[in-house]
Protein backbone atom coordinates (compact mmCIF):
# COMPACT_ATOMS: atom_id res chain seq x y z
CA MET A 1 -69.78 -65.25 86.09
CA LYS A 2 -68.95 -69.16 85.37
CA GLN A 3 -66.51 -70.83 83.01
CA LEU A 4 -68.93 -71.26 81.03
CA LYS A 5 -69.70 -68.49 80.37
CA TYR A 6 -66.95 -67.14 78.96
CA ILE A 7 -66.11 -69.66 76.82
CA LEU A 8 -68.68 -70.77 75.42
CA LEU A 9 -68.67 -69.04 72.24
CA ILE A 10 -65.46 -71.09 71.08
CA GLY A 11 -67.27 -74.39 71.12
CA MET A 12 -70.02 -72.72 68.99
CA VAL A 13 -68.08 -71.58 66.40
CA SER A 14 -66.25 -75.56 65.84
CA ILE A 15 -69.46 -77.38 66.53
CA LEU A 16 -71.88 -75.10 65.16
CA SER A 17 -71.24 -75.91 60.95
CA SER A 18 -70.69 -79.42 61.61
CA CYS A 19 -74.00 -80.75 63.26
CA VAL A 20 -76.97 -81.08 62.04
CA SER A 21 -80.08 -78.75 63.72
CA ASP A 22 -83.41 -81.11 64.03
CA LEU A 23 -83.79 -85.04 62.82
CA LEU A 24 -84.39 -84.20 59.80
CA ASP A 25 -81.24 -82.41 58.82
CA ARG A 26 -78.30 -84.13 57.06
CA GLN A 27 -75.11 -85.69 58.46
CA PRO A 28 -73.04 -84.28 60.42
CA THR A 29 -69.76 -83.84 58.19
CA THR A 30 -66.17 -82.88 58.77
CA GLU A 31 -65.77 -79.00 57.68
CA VAL A 32 -63.36 -79.02 60.93
CA SER A 33 -61.17 -82.63 59.60
CA SER A 34 -60.10 -84.36 62.23
CA ASP A 35 -56.39 -84.13 61.21
CA VAL A 36 -56.82 -80.25 62.69
CA TYR A 37 -59.34 -81.60 65.54
CA TRP A 38 -60.76 -83.90 67.83
CA ASN A 39 -57.16 -84.25 68.95
CA SER A 40 -57.31 -82.57 72.59
CA PRO A 41 -59.61 -82.21 75.62
CA GLU A 42 -59.43 -78.74 74.50
CA ASP A 43 -60.91 -79.76 71.28
CA ALA A 44 -63.24 -82.33 72.92
CA LEU A 45 -64.65 -79.86 75.76
CA SER A 46 -65.28 -76.60 72.87
CA ALA A 47 -67.28 -79.30 70.75
CA THR A 48 -69.35 -80.35 74.80
CA TYR A 49 -69.75 -75.96 74.97
CA GLY A 50 -72.02 -76.36 71.69
CA VAL A 51 -73.94 -78.64 73.25
CA TYR A 52 -74.33 -76.53 76.61
CA ASP A 53 -75.65 -73.99 73.93
CA ALA A 54 -77.91 -76.27 72.41
CA THR A 55 -79.70 -76.66 75.96
CA ARG A 56 -79.19 -73.36 76.64
CA THR A 57 -81.83 -72.87 73.16
CA LEU A 58 -84.10 -75.85 74.15
CA PHE A 59 -84.48 -74.58 78.26
CA ARG A 60 -84.07 -70.93 78.22
CA ARG A 61 -88.21 -70.47 78.48
CA ASP A 62 -89.29 -73.00 80.21
CA TYR A 63 -91.39 -70.25 82.44
CA TYR A 64 -93.79 -70.44 79.52
CA PHE A 65 -95.12 -73.99 80.28
CA ASP A 66 -96.96 -72.06 83.30
CA GLY A 67 -98.72 -70.12 80.88
CA HIS A 68 -100.78 -73.89 80.62
CA GLY A 69 -101.33 -73.82 84.32
CA GLU A 70 -103.76 -71.69 86.41
CA PHE A 71 -101.27 -69.44 88.64
CA HIS A 72 -99.95 -67.82 85.90
CA TRP A 73 -101.07 -65.54 82.30
CA THR A 74 -99.11 -65.42 79.70
CA ARG A 75 -100.08 -62.70 77.74
CA GLY A 76 -98.16 -64.07 74.04
CA THR A 77 -95.83 -66.16 73.17
CA SER A 78 -92.83 -63.38 72.67
CA GLY A 79 -91.18 -66.05 70.01
CA GLY A 80 -90.59 -68.29 72.02
CA GLY A 81 -92.73 -69.90 74.39
CA GLY A 82 -95.21 -71.78 72.89
CA SER A 83 -98.98 -71.61 74.01
CA PHE A 84 -102.02 -74.40 74.55
CA SER A 85 -105.62 -73.53 74.39
CA ALA A 86 -108.48 -75.42 75.48
CA SER A 87 -109.86 -74.94 72.62
CA GLY A 88 -106.78 -77.54 70.99
CA GLY A 89 -103.56 -77.21 69.89
CA SER A 90 -100.14 -76.43 70.05
CA THR A 91 -98.30 -73.80 68.30
CA SER A 92 -95.47 -73.42 66.55
CA GLY A 93 -93.44 -73.51 69.83
CA PHE A 94 -94.01 -76.96 70.40
CA ASP A 95 -92.63 -78.18 66.60
CA GLN A 96 -89.81 -75.54 67.40
CA MET A 97 -89.03 -77.71 70.69
CA TRP A 98 -88.81 -81.10 68.63
CA LYS A 99 -86.67 -79.18 67.04
CA ASN A 100 -84.38 -78.19 69.60
CA CYS A 101 -84.94 -81.37 71.20
CA TYR A 102 -83.42 -83.47 68.26
CA GLN A 103 -80.72 -80.48 67.30
CA VAL A 104 -79.28 -81.27 71.54
CA ILE A 105 -79.70 -84.57 70.89
CA ASN A 106 -78.04 -84.85 67.16
CA ARG A 107 -74.84 -82.10 69.03
CA ALA A 108 -74.41 -84.90 72.04
CA ASN A 109 -74.70 -87.64 69.74
CA PHE A 110 -71.69 -86.98 67.52
CA THR A 111 -69.57 -85.16 70.49
CA ILE A 112 -70.14 -88.67 72.18
CA GLU A 113 -69.03 -90.42 69.10
CA ASN A 114 -65.38 -88.24 68.48
CA ILE A 115 -64.96 -87.93 71.79
CA GLU A 116 -65.35 -92.14 72.64
CA LYS A 117 -62.52 -91.96 69.60
CA MET A 118 -60.74 -89.88 71.13
CA ILE A 119 -60.64 -92.12 74.34
CA GLU A 120 -59.58 -95.05 72.46
CA SER A 121 -56.55 -93.52 72.40
CA THR A 122 -55.52 -92.06 75.28
CA SER A 123 -54.93 -93.14 78.93
CA GLY A 124 -53.79 -91.50 82.37
CA LYS A 125 -55.58 -88.25 83.84
CA GLN A 126 -57.02 -87.35 79.61
CA LYS A 127 -58.07 -90.46 79.36
CA GLU A 128 -60.21 -89.04 83.04
CA GLU A 129 -60.87 -85.59 81.55
CA LEU A 130 -62.10 -87.44 77.90
CA GLN A 131 -64.33 -89.70 80.00
CA ALA A 132 -65.73 -86.85 82.35
CA GLN A 133 -66.57 -84.39 79.27
CA ASN A 134 -68.18 -87.50 77.66
CA GLY A 135 -70.23 -87.65 81.34
CA GLU A 136 -71.04 -84.37 80.98
CA ASN A 137 -72.71 -85.32 76.83
CA TYR A 138 -74.42 -88.38 77.76
CA PHE A 139 -76.16 -85.86 81.13
CA LEU A 140 -77.39 -83.06 77.91
CA ARG A 141 -79.22 -85.70 75.22
CA SER A 142 -80.27 -87.49 78.56
CA LEU A 143 -82.52 -84.20 79.05
CA ALA A 144 -83.30 -83.90 75.31
CA TYR A 145 -85.02 -87.47 75.14
CA PHE A 146 -86.69 -86.62 78.98
CA ARG A 147 -87.91 -83.79 77.45
CA LEU A 148 -89.05 -85.86 74.36
CA ILE A 149 -90.94 -88.36 76.59
CA GLN A 150 -92.95 -85.83 78.70
CA LEU A 151 -94.59 -83.68 75.98
CA TRP A 152 -94.86 -86.50 73.28
CA GLY A 153 -94.25 -89.95 75.01
CA ASP A 154 -93.47 -92.60 71.78
CA VAL A 155 -90.44 -90.54 69.79
CA PRO A 156 -87.97 -91.07 67.61
CA TYR A 157 -84.79 -92.58 69.26
CA TYR A 158 -81.02 -93.03 68.22
CA ARG A 159 -78.16 -92.58 70.26
CA HIS A 160 -75.87 -92.47 67.11
CA VAL A 161 -74.50 -90.14 64.31
CA LEU A 162 -77.89 -90.36 61.42
CA LYS A 163 -76.45 -91.57 58.73
CA GLY A 164 -77.84 -88.89 56.08
CA HIS A 165 -80.98 -87.45 55.25
CA ASP A 166 -82.52 -90.85 54.24
CA GLU A 167 -82.28 -92.12 56.95
CA ALA A 168 -83.88 -89.35 59.41
CA ILE A 169 -86.78 -89.75 57.43
CA SER A 170 -86.89 -93.23 57.89
CA LEU A 171 -87.14 -93.28 62.08
CA SER A 172 -90.49 -94.48 63.16
CA ARG A 173 -91.04 -93.96 66.68
CA THR A 174 -89.80 -95.73 70.00
CA PRO A 175 -92.05 -97.31 72.65
CA ILE A 176 -91.42 -94.81 76.03
CA ALA A 177 -90.16 -97.67 78.25
CA ASP A 178 -87.33 -98.46 75.62
CA ILE A 179 -86.35 -94.93 75.90
CA LYS A 180 -86.79 -94.21 79.58
CA LYS A 181 -84.60 -97.70 80.38
CA ASP A 182 -82.20 -96.12 77.87
CA ILE A 183 -82.40 -92.24 79.99
CA ILE A 184 -81.17 -93.63 82.79
CA GLU A 185 -78.14 -95.47 81.22
CA ASP A 186 -77.38 -92.78 79.85
CA LEU A 187 -77.53 -90.95 83.58
CA THR A 188 -76.30 -93.73 85.42
CA TYR A 189 -72.82 -93.60 82.54
CA ALA A 190 -72.93 -89.94 83.25
CA ILE A 191 -73.24 -90.57 87.63
CA SER A 192 -69.78 -92.33 87.01
CA VAL A 193 -67.39 -90.12 85.22
CA LEU A 194 -68.74 -86.41 86.20
CA PRO A 195 -66.93 -85.06 89.01
CA SER A 196 -67.88 -85.09 92.58
CA GLY A 197 -67.86 -81.41 93.37
CA ALA A 198 -68.37 -77.77 92.77
CA TYR A 199 -68.51 -77.41 88.56
CA LYS A 200 -69.16 -74.43 87.82
CA GLY A 201 -71.80 -74.20 84.85
CA ARG A 202 -71.71 -77.62 84.31
CA ALA A 203 -73.41 -81.10 84.54
CA THR A 204 -72.11 -82.23 88.10
CA GLN A 205 -72.98 -85.74 90.04
CA ALA A 206 -75.13 -84.36 91.97
CA ALA A 207 -77.10 -83.20 89.16
CA ALA A 208 -77.18 -86.27 87.43
CA TYR A 209 -78.25 -88.18 90.55
CA GLY A 210 -81.52 -85.39 90.36
CA PHE A 211 -82.59 -85.77 87.04
CA ARG A 212 -82.70 -89.76 87.59
CA ALA A 213 -84.37 -89.30 90.12
CA LYS A 214 -86.31 -87.10 88.62
CA VAL A 215 -86.38 -89.18 85.41
CA GLU A 216 -87.78 -91.92 87.67
CA LEU A 217 -90.84 -90.06 89.84
CA PHE A 218 -92.05 -88.95 86.75
CA TRP A 219 -92.04 -92.44 85.60
CA ALA A 220 -93.53 -93.82 88.93
CA SER A 221 -95.99 -91.03 88.45
CA TRP A 222 -97.77 -92.62 84.76
CA LYS A 223 -97.51 -96.18 86.03
CA LYS A 224 -99.30 -95.11 89.08
CA ASN A 225 -101.63 -92.17 87.43
CA GLY A 226 -102.35 -94.07 83.71
CA TRP A 227 -101.39 -92.40 80.85
CA PRO A 228 -104.82 -93.35 78.73
CA GLU A 229 -103.95 -90.91 75.85
CA LEU A 230 -100.51 -92.36 74.93
CA ASP A 231 -101.26 -95.49 72.98
CA GLY A 232 -99.83 -99.00 74.75
CA PHE A 233 -99.07 -97.22 77.94
CA THR A 234 -99.93 -99.12 80.91
CA GLN A 235 -101.09 -98.51 84.66
CA ASP A 236 -98.06 -101.07 86.93
CA GLN A 237 -99.00 -100.54 90.27
CA SER A 238 -96.00 -102.59 91.35
CA GLU A 239 -93.30 -100.58 89.39
CA ALA A 240 -94.93 -97.38 90.14
CA GLN A 241 -93.81 -98.42 93.29
CA ASN A 242 -89.83 -99.18 92.35
CA SER A 243 -90.05 -96.33 91.19
CA PHE A 244 -90.62 -94.12 93.74
CA ARG A 245 -88.13 -96.39 95.78
CA LYS A 246 -85.77 -95.57 93.12
CA ALA A 247 -86.59 -91.58 93.41
CA ALA A 248 -86.48 -91.45 96.68
CA ASP A 249 -83.05 -93.55 96.95
CA ASP A 250 -81.25 -91.29 94.31
CA PHE A 251 -82.51 -88.26 95.55
CA ALA A 252 -81.41 -88.50 99.27
CA LYS A 253 -77.94 -88.33 97.73
CA VAL A 254 -78.52 -85.03 96.06
CA ILE A 255 -79.31 -84.11 99.60
CA ASN A 256 -77.19 -86.13 102.22
CA ASP A 257 -73.30 -87.12 100.06
CA TYR A 258 -72.59 -83.03 99.03
CA GLY A 259 -72.92 -80.50 101.25
CA LEU A 260 -76.00 -78.33 99.04
CA LYS A 261 -78.11 -75.79 101.63
CA LEU A 262 -80.71 -73.67 100.34
CA PHE A 263 -80.01 -70.38 99.95
CA SER A 264 -78.51 -67.73 102.96
CA GLU A 265 -79.28 -71.48 104.81
CA GLY A 266 -83.19 -70.54 103.93
CA ASN A 267 -83.51 -67.59 106.62
CA PRO A 268 -86.55 -65.68 105.52
CA GLY A 269 -84.28 -61.95 105.49
CA THR A 270 -86.44 -59.25 106.38
CA TYR A 271 -90.47 -58.53 105.08
CA GLU A 272 -89.04 -55.26 102.78
CA ASP A 273 -86.25 -57.30 101.27
CA PRO A 274 -86.57 -61.50 102.05
CA SER A 275 -83.87 -63.19 100.62
CA TYR A 276 -86.22 -65.88 98.54
CA TRP A 277 -86.63 -62.56 95.52
CA HIS A 278 -82.39 -62.26 95.86
CA LEU A 279 -82.02 -66.33 94.58
CA PHE A 280 -83.16 -65.10 91.31
CA GLN A 281 -81.12 -62.63 90.35
CA HIS A 282 -77.63 -63.33 89.04
CA TYR A 283 -75.91 -62.11 91.45
CA ASN A 284 -76.82 -65.07 93.54
CA GLU A 285 -77.31 -67.92 90.86
CA TYR A 286 -74.26 -70.35 92.60
CA SER A 287 -75.75 -70.09 95.36
CA SER A 288 -75.07 -74.09 96.13
CA GLU A 289 -78.66 -74.36 95.71
CA ILE A 290 -78.86 -74.53 92.22
CA ILE A 291 -78.01 -78.04 90.81
CA PHE A 292 -78.00 -77.40 87.09
CA SER A 293 -78.91 -74.26 85.02
CA VAL A 294 -79.02 -73.19 81.72
CA GLN A 295 -76.10 -70.24 81.41
CA HIS A 296 -76.75 -66.75 80.11
CA ALA A 297 -74.19 -64.96 79.53
CA GLY A 298 -74.59 -60.51 78.80
CA PRO A 299 -74.36 -57.94 77.25
CA SER A 300 -73.10 -58.68 74.16
CA LEU A 301 -72.11 -62.08 73.85
CA GLY A 302 -74.59 -63.33 71.62
CA GLN A 303 -75.47 -65.52 74.43
CA GLY A 304 -78.14 -62.84 76.45
CA GLU A 305 -81.48 -63.78 78.45
CA GLU A 306 -85.48 -62.71 77.87
CA MET A 307 -86.49 -62.78 80.90
CA GLN A 308 -85.60 -59.31 81.71
CA ARG A 309 -88.54 -58.55 78.75
CA ASP A 310 -90.99 -61.26 79.56
CA PHE A 311 -91.20 -60.15 83.46
CA GLY A 312 -90.58 -56.68 82.97
CA THR A 313 -92.04 -53.40 82.55
CA ARG A 314 -91.47 -50.95 80.67
CA SER A 315 -90.28 -49.24 83.53
CA THR A 316 -87.40 -51.84 84.02
CA GLY A 317 -85.26 -51.09 81.16
CA ASN A 318 -88.56 -50.96 78.25
CA ALA A 319 -89.33 -55.22 78.86
CA GLN A 320 -92.79 -56.06 77.81
CA CYS A 321 -94.98 -57.81 80.75
CA TRP A 322 -95.68 -61.02 78.62
CA LEU A 323 -96.48 -62.65 82.21
CA MET A 324 -98.77 -62.52 84.76
CA PRO A 325 -99.31 -63.57 87.87
CA THR A 326 -103.10 -64.63 88.35
CA ILE A 327 -105.22 -64.36 91.68
CA ARG A 328 -105.39 -68.18 91.93
CA LEU A 329 -101.70 -68.02 92.41
CA VAL A 330 -101.55 -64.99 95.58
CA ASP A 331 -105.10 -67.27 97.07
CA ARG A 332 -101.92 -69.92 97.99
CA TYR A 333 -100.23 -67.78 100.05
CA GLN A 334 -100.69 -68.69 103.54
CA SER A 335 -100.82 -66.33 106.77
CA LEU A 336 -97.78 -66.01 109.35
CA THR A 337 -100.02 -66.50 111.94
CA THR A 338 -101.96 -69.71 111.45
CA GLY A 339 -100.13 -71.12 108.66
CA ASP A 340 -102.78 -71.83 106.41
CA PHE A 341 -104.51 -70.39 104.29
CA VAL A 342 -106.34 -67.32 104.23
CA ASP A 343 -110.26 -65.85 102.74
CA PRO A 344 -109.81 -66.29 99.32
CA LEU A 345 -109.28 -62.53 97.89
CA VAL A 346 -113.08 -60.28 97.20
CA LEU A 347 -113.05 -58.54 93.22
CA SER A 348 -113.43 -55.13 93.85
CA THR A 349 -112.18 -51.48 93.11
CA ASP A 350 -112.50 -50.27 96.53
CA PRO A 351 -109.88 -49.63 98.79
CA THR A 352 -111.59 -49.95 102.07
CA LEU A 353 -113.48 -53.29 101.54
CA LYS A 354 -112.61 -56.09 103.72
CA ASN A 355 -110.72 -58.39 102.31
CA GLY A 356 -110.71 -56.47 98.67
CA SER A 357 -108.51 -56.99 95.97
CA ILE A 358 -107.12 -53.49 96.19
CA ASN A 359 -107.04 -53.26 99.94
CA ARG A 360 -103.03 -53.00 100.92
CA GLU A 361 -104.38 -54.64 104.19
CA THR A 362 -105.35 -57.30 102.24
CA TYR A 363 -101.87 -58.32 102.07
CA GLU A 364 -100.71 -58.63 104.64
CA ASN A 365 -99.37 -60.75 107.52
CA ARG A 366 -98.81 -63.84 104.02
CA ASP A 367 -96.30 -65.59 103.36
CA TRP A 368 -92.94 -63.36 102.44
CA ARG A 369 -92.62 -65.04 99.20
CA MET A 370 -95.22 -63.66 98.02
CA LYS A 371 -93.77 -60.41 98.93
CA ALA A 372 -90.52 -61.65 96.54
CA THR A 373 -92.69 -62.49 94.08
CA LEU A 374 -95.09 -60.23 92.38
CA LEU A 375 -96.31 -56.65 93.05
CA TRP A 376 -99.79 -55.73 94.26
CA ASP A 377 -101.71 -51.92 94.56
CA GLY A 378 -98.87 -49.57 95.82
CA GLU A 379 -95.95 -52.47 96.44
CA GLU A 380 -92.75 -50.33 94.68
CA MET A 381 -90.54 -51.72 92.27
CA VAL A 382 -86.53 -50.70 91.30
CA THR A 383 -86.73 -48.87 87.58
CA LEU A 384 -84.01 -48.94 85.07
CA SER A 385 -83.27 -46.73 81.93
CA THR A 386 -84.55 -47.96 78.47
CA SER A 387 -81.48 -49.00 77.83
CA GLY A 388 -81.45 -50.75 81.16
CA LEU A 389 -77.63 -49.23 82.08
CA GLU A 390 -79.08 -46.91 85.12
CA VAL A 391 -81.38 -47.61 88.01
CA THR A 392 -83.44 -43.91 87.80
CA GLY A 393 -85.58 -44.66 91.37
CA LYS A 394 -88.24 -46.20 91.84
CA LEU A 395 -92.09 -46.26 91.27
CA PRO A 396 -94.88 -48.35 93.01
CA PHE A 397 -97.37 -50.83 90.59
CA LYS A 398 -101.40 -49.48 90.39
CA TYR A 399 -103.29 -51.87 87.98
CA GLY A 400 -105.18 -49.37 85.63
CA GLN A 401 -102.57 -46.44 85.75
CA LYS A 402 -99.60 -46.65 83.97
CA ASP A 403 -98.13 -43.38 82.99
CA GLY A 404 -94.32 -44.19 84.15
CA VAL A 405 -94.23 -41.32 85.34
CA ASN A 406 -96.24 -41.66 88.49
CA TYR A 407 -96.60 -45.68 88.29
CA ILE A 408 -95.22 -48.17 86.68
CA ASN A 409 -95.80 -48.47 83.04
CA TYR A 410 -96.51 -52.67 82.71
CA ASP A 411 -98.02 -52.18 79.45
CA VAL A 412 -100.31 -54.59 79.24
CA GLY A 413 -103.96 -53.29 77.52
CA THR A 414 -105.91 -56.29 80.31
CA GLY A 415 -103.80 -58.29 82.93
CA SER A 416 -104.46 -60.21 85.79
CA GLY A 417 -103.91 -57.38 87.94
CA TYR A 418 -100.26 -57.73 89.62
CA ILE A 419 -97.24 -58.29 87.69
CA TYR A 420 -94.11 -60.10 88.63
CA ARG A 421 -91.17 -59.50 90.44
CA LYS A 422 -89.15 -62.08 90.74
CA TRP A 423 -86.48 -62.89 88.28
CA VAL A 424 -87.01 -59.02 87.62
CA ARG A 425 -83.53 -57.73 87.07
CA ASN A 426 -83.31 -54.12 89.58
CA THR A 427 -80.24 -53.24 88.81
CA GLY A 428 -78.49 -51.74 85.85
CA ILE A 429 -76.40 -53.83 83.24
CA THR A 430 -77.78 -54.22 80.27
CA GLY A 431 -80.57 -54.14 77.93
CA ARG A 432 -84.06 -56.31 78.62
CA SER A 433 -83.16 -58.86 75.82
CA ASP A 434 -79.46 -59.74 76.82
CA GLY A 435 -78.98 -60.07 81.23
CA PRO A 436 -76.65 -62.29 82.30
CA GLN A 437 -79.30 -64.29 84.74
CA ASP A 438 -78.96 -68.37 84.49
CA PHE A 439 -82.47 -70.47 84.27
CA TYR A 440 -82.83 -73.44 86.64
CA LEU A 441 -83.81 -76.30 85.49
CA MET A 442 -83.21 -77.77 89.39
CA ARG A 443 -82.57 -76.68 92.68
CA LEU A 444 -82.19 -78.08 96.00
CA ALA A 445 -86.06 -77.21 98.00
CA ASP A 446 -87.08 -78.68 94.24
CA VAL A 447 -85.62 -82.28 95.21
CA TYR A 448 -86.55 -81.47 98.89
CA LEU A 449 -90.07 -81.59 97.09
CA MET A 450 -89.21 -84.06 94.70
CA TYR A 451 -87.96 -86.67 97.03
CA SER A 452 -90.27 -85.76 99.76
CA GLU A 453 -93.99 -87.04 97.46
CA ALA A 454 -91.83 -90.45 96.69
CA VAL A 455 -91.12 -90.98 100.08
CA ASN A 456 -94.66 -90.21 100.45
CA GLU A 457 -95.84 -92.14 98.14
CA LEU A 458 -93.87 -95.13 100.17
CA GLU A 459 -94.24 -94.71 103.72
CA GLY A 460 -96.72 -91.50 104.26
CA PRO A 461 -95.39 -88.43 105.85
CA THR A 462 -92.16 -89.38 108.07
CA ALA A 463 -90.56 -86.87 110.73
CA GLU A 464 -87.28 -85.79 108.16
CA THR A 465 -89.76 -85.50 105.07
CA ILE A 466 -91.23 -83.36 107.34
CA GLY A 467 -88.69 -81.11 108.41
CA LEU A 468 -88.08 -80.84 104.59
CA ILE A 469 -91.09 -78.97 104.06
CA ASN A 470 -90.67 -77.04 107.01
CA LYS A 471 -87.42 -75.98 106.12
CA ILE A 472 -88.61 -74.24 102.60
CA ARG A 473 -91.73 -72.55 104.39
CA HIS A 474 -89.38 -70.95 106.76
CA ARG A 475 -88.31 -68.94 103.33
CA GLY A 476 -91.47 -67.33 103.45
CA ASN A 477 -91.16 -67.04 107.62
CA LEU A 478 -94.41 -69.73 107.44
CA PRO A 479 -95.11 -71.18 111.01
CA GLU A 480 -94.53 -75.24 110.28
CA LEU A 481 -96.75 -77.08 109.31
CA THR A 482 -99.30 -78.53 111.71
CA ALA A 483 -100.52 -81.92 112.82
CA GLU A 484 -103.47 -81.48 110.36
CA MET A 485 -101.36 -81.11 107.22
CA TYR A 486 -99.59 -84.00 107.52
CA ALA A 487 -101.84 -86.54 109.12
CA ASN A 488 -101.22 -88.65 106.06
CA LYS A 489 -100.93 -89.27 102.83
CA GLU A 490 -103.48 -87.50 100.80
CA ALA A 491 -102.99 -84.61 103.64
CA PHE A 492 -98.91 -83.92 103.26
CA PHE A 493 -99.40 -84.80 99.55
CA LYS A 494 -101.63 -81.86 99.70
CA ALA A 495 -98.67 -79.74 101.57
CA ILE A 496 -95.89 -81.16 99.36
CA GLU A 497 -98.18 -79.44 96.09
CA GLN A 498 -99.06 -75.91 97.82
CA GLU A 499 -95.93 -75.38 98.76
CA ARG A 500 -94.40 -76.82 94.96
CA ILE A 501 -96.81 -74.47 93.95
CA VAL A 502 -95.56 -70.67 96.03
CA GLU A 503 -92.02 -72.15 95.97
CA LEU A 504 -91.50 -73.30 92.23
CA ILE A 505 -94.04 -70.09 90.50
CA SER A 506 -92.69 -68.80 87.22
CA GLU A 507 -89.72 -72.53 86.80
CA GLY A 508 -91.98 -74.28 84.20
CA GLN A 509 -93.40 -76.89 86.70
CA ARG A 510 -96.50 -76.69 87.52
CA PRO A 511 -98.09 -77.50 84.00
CA PHE A 512 -95.33 -80.80 84.24
CA ASP A 513 -97.35 -81.65 87.98
CA ILE A 514 -100.55 -81.42 86.56
CA ARG A 515 -100.19 -83.23 83.78
CA ARG A 516 -98.23 -86.61 85.93
CA TRP A 517 -100.37 -86.32 88.86
CA ARG A 518 -103.93 -86.11 86.46
CA LYS A 519 -105.51 -83.00 87.66
CA VAL A 520 -106.72 -81.26 84.95
CA GLU A 521 -110.71 -82.10 85.86
CA ASP A 522 -109.65 -81.05 89.73
CA ILE A 523 -108.69 -77.52 88.13
CA TRP A 524 -110.80 -76.54 85.77
CA GLY A 525 -114.08 -78.87 86.13
CA ALA A 526 -115.64 -81.99 84.38
CA PRO A 527 -115.53 -81.81 80.25
CA ASN A 528 -118.18 -79.53 78.63
CA GLY A 529 -118.28 -77.47 82.08
CA ASP A 530 -117.56 -73.96 82.88
CA GLY A 531 -113.90 -74.22 83.13
CA TRP A 532 -113.01 -70.81 84.41
CA THR A 533 -112.92 -67.26 83.47
CA LEU A 534 -109.65 -65.02 84.90
CA TYR A 535 -110.71 -61.85 86.42
CA ASN A 536 -108.01 -59.19 86.74
CA THR A 537 -108.42 -57.23 90.05
CA HIS A 538 -111.15 -55.17 88.95
CA ASN A 539 -112.96 -57.94 88.02
CA VAL A 540 -112.98 -57.88 84.83
CA ARG A 541 -113.30 -60.70 82.69
CA VAL A 542 -109.58 -61.53 81.23
CA HIS A 543 -109.94 -64.63 79.73
CA ASP A 544 -111.70 -68.67 79.72
CA GLN A 545 -109.61 -71.21 80.72
CA PHE A 546 -112.03 -74.98 79.08
CA LYS A 547 -115.06 -72.82 78.83
CA ASN A 548 -117.15 -76.17 77.06
CA ALA A 549 -114.21 -77.88 76.76
CA ASN A 550 -115.22 -81.33 75.25
CA GLU A 551 -113.02 -84.83 76.72
CA LEU A 552 -111.20 -84.55 73.48
CA ASN A 553 -109.38 -81.07 74.40
CA TYR A 554 -108.49 -82.43 77.88
CA GLN A 555 -106.89 -85.15 76.19
CA ARG A 556 -104.68 -82.82 73.96
CA TYR A 557 -103.55 -81.42 77.55
CA TYR A 558 -102.00 -84.77 78.72
CA ILE A 559 -100.14 -85.18 75.44
CA TYR A 560 -98.64 -83.47 71.97
CA LYS A 561 -99.00 -83.22 69.01
CA ILE A 562 -96.25 -84.73 66.93
CA PRO A 563 -95.38 -81.58 64.66
CA GLN A 564 -97.09 -81.99 61.09
CA THR A 565 -94.06 -81.12 59.33
CA GLU A 566 -92.21 -83.70 60.54
CA ARG A 567 -94.75 -86.77 60.16
CA ASP A 568 -94.67 -84.92 56.18
CA ARG A 569 -91.63 -86.27 55.82
CA ASN A 570 -91.47 -89.37 57.63
CA PRO A 571 -94.38 -90.94 57.02
CA ASN A 572 -92.63 -94.09 59.12
CA LEU A 573 -93.92 -91.58 62.36
CA THR A 574 -97.52 -91.87 63.58
CA GLN A 575 -99.83 -89.56 65.88
CA ASN A 576 -100.58 -89.11 69.37
CA ARG A 577 -104.51 -90.27 69.00
CA PRO A 578 -106.32 -87.46 71.04
CA TRP A 579 -104.87 -85.50 67.72
CA LEU A 580 -105.87 -88.36 64.71
C-alpha cells in the first residue's frame, strides 16, 4: 500500500477536531495548541493528510454519477451517490456533496494558513518541504472548487479561514469566471512546488498539470457550447479556443515529460484474462497510468472502499450489486474484425436467436474491454465467502437464475440483465465495505482522450492524436481506426467519444461529458417526448429515462439545485434559475 494509506489516520486525529466540517460550521479552533503543533514538517504533513481524507470522502463514490448517463443503471444511492430523475430533483446526496466540498476547502484553508506561517520562519530544505506540502493543499482545494463549479456554477468562494458562523452565513455566490481564474492560480502554484517524480499516494506535478488542463478543457467546452442555465454566463468562441490551446499544452506535458505509460504497456493480455481488468484491482493501483486517485486502506483502518459492495454480488463477499451496465453500453463494444459497431442486440429469451441478447455467440469477436468490464449469460467469475476473506470457487452468471449454488447470486429483483466485472475484487482480503482499492480520478488513458479532444478542436485529427487513440483501442485488441473514423473533426470527435464511453465507464466521467457537450437531447430525444426506456436482456421494461420530461427537467440536468438547507441559513445564496 502507499505510504499515505498507513499514516492517514495520524493526520485525521490532529485535524478532525480543529476544522469546520462544512461551509456553515464555526471557525477552526486551536484545540491542538500551536505551541505544541505546527512546529515541524511532520506536523504540517499530518494536517495535510486530514485534507486528503476529506478529499477521499468527497470523491470516493464518484462512480454513482454514471447513473446519470445512458450506459449504467443505479438501482439506488446506497447511502452516498445521490441520484437524479427526469421528473425533477437532486436528492440529499448532492446536499452532502456540497458540504463535502466545503469540508475539503475549510481544511485546506486552515492547513495552508498555518503552513505559510511555518514557511516564513524556515529556510533551506525544510522550507522547500513545507512549500511542497502546501502545494498539495492548494491542489486539493482546487479539486473541491472544480467539483462545485461543475455542478452548481457560481458558488461561495473564499481562500481564508472563516471568521466564525456570522461570516459563513453572509457569503454570496462568486461568479464562475473569478473562481476558475483562482483555481488555475492554485494549480499553477502547485505545479511550481510539487515533486516531478513519483510521490505515491499524493499529488504530483503531473497531476497538477493534468487537472489544470482539465479545468481549461471544461471551460473551453462551456464557452464553446454555452451554459444557458447559469445566469450571466456567456459563450465566447475566441476564449474557448484559447482555453483549448492551454489545455492541449498542459496535457502534452503530462504525456511527454513524466515517463508515464499505459498499464501493461497497453498490451491487451488474453481474451480470458484481459489486462484492462487487472488495472482495476488493488494490486495494480500504483501503475504509472494512474495520475491521481483517492486512497483507500483496509481492512480495519476505517478507510476502506465500498466498490466491492456496490459493484459485486452476493456471491462475491455478500455484496449487493447496486450498479449494473445497460444494453446501450453493450452495443458500444466494437467488432475485432471491422473495428466498427455491430448490429444492435435483439432482446429475446431465445438463446439461439441470431444477435439475441442471451445468445453467447452474440458476444464473440468484440472489444476485450467488454469481457473485462461486464458479465453476460454464461460468463463465469470467482466467488468469495460471505466475509470476503476466502476464494470459494467460480460460478456462471445467468440472468433470471441467482441461487448462489449453480449461478451467481446478483441480489436484484429487476435489473439490466448484466452485472459488472470491473472493480469487483476476486481475491480474499476483507469484507465488502472495507477494501483497499483506490478510486482513480485521472489516469493516462483519460489524458490521451482529453488531449486528443483539445487538439481536435484546434486543428482537427493529427497523426499524433490518431496514434494515441489507437493505443487505447489496442488494449481492447481492436484494429486501428479506419480512415472514415478520422476523416474530419466531427468524425474524429465521435471516435474520441466512443473511447471515452468504453474506456471510462463506471469511473464517473460520462455525465460530466454529456453536460459540457450539451448532449442531453441527442441521447434522450427532445423534451416532452418518449425519452428512452431501459429494457433488460429478457425484453422486460426496467425503467424510463426522460419520458414525457419537459424542458425544465432538461435544464435541471445541466445545473444543480443550491441546497435549500444552505439557503435557509444564508439569505445571500441565490438559486439557480431552473430550480426557482
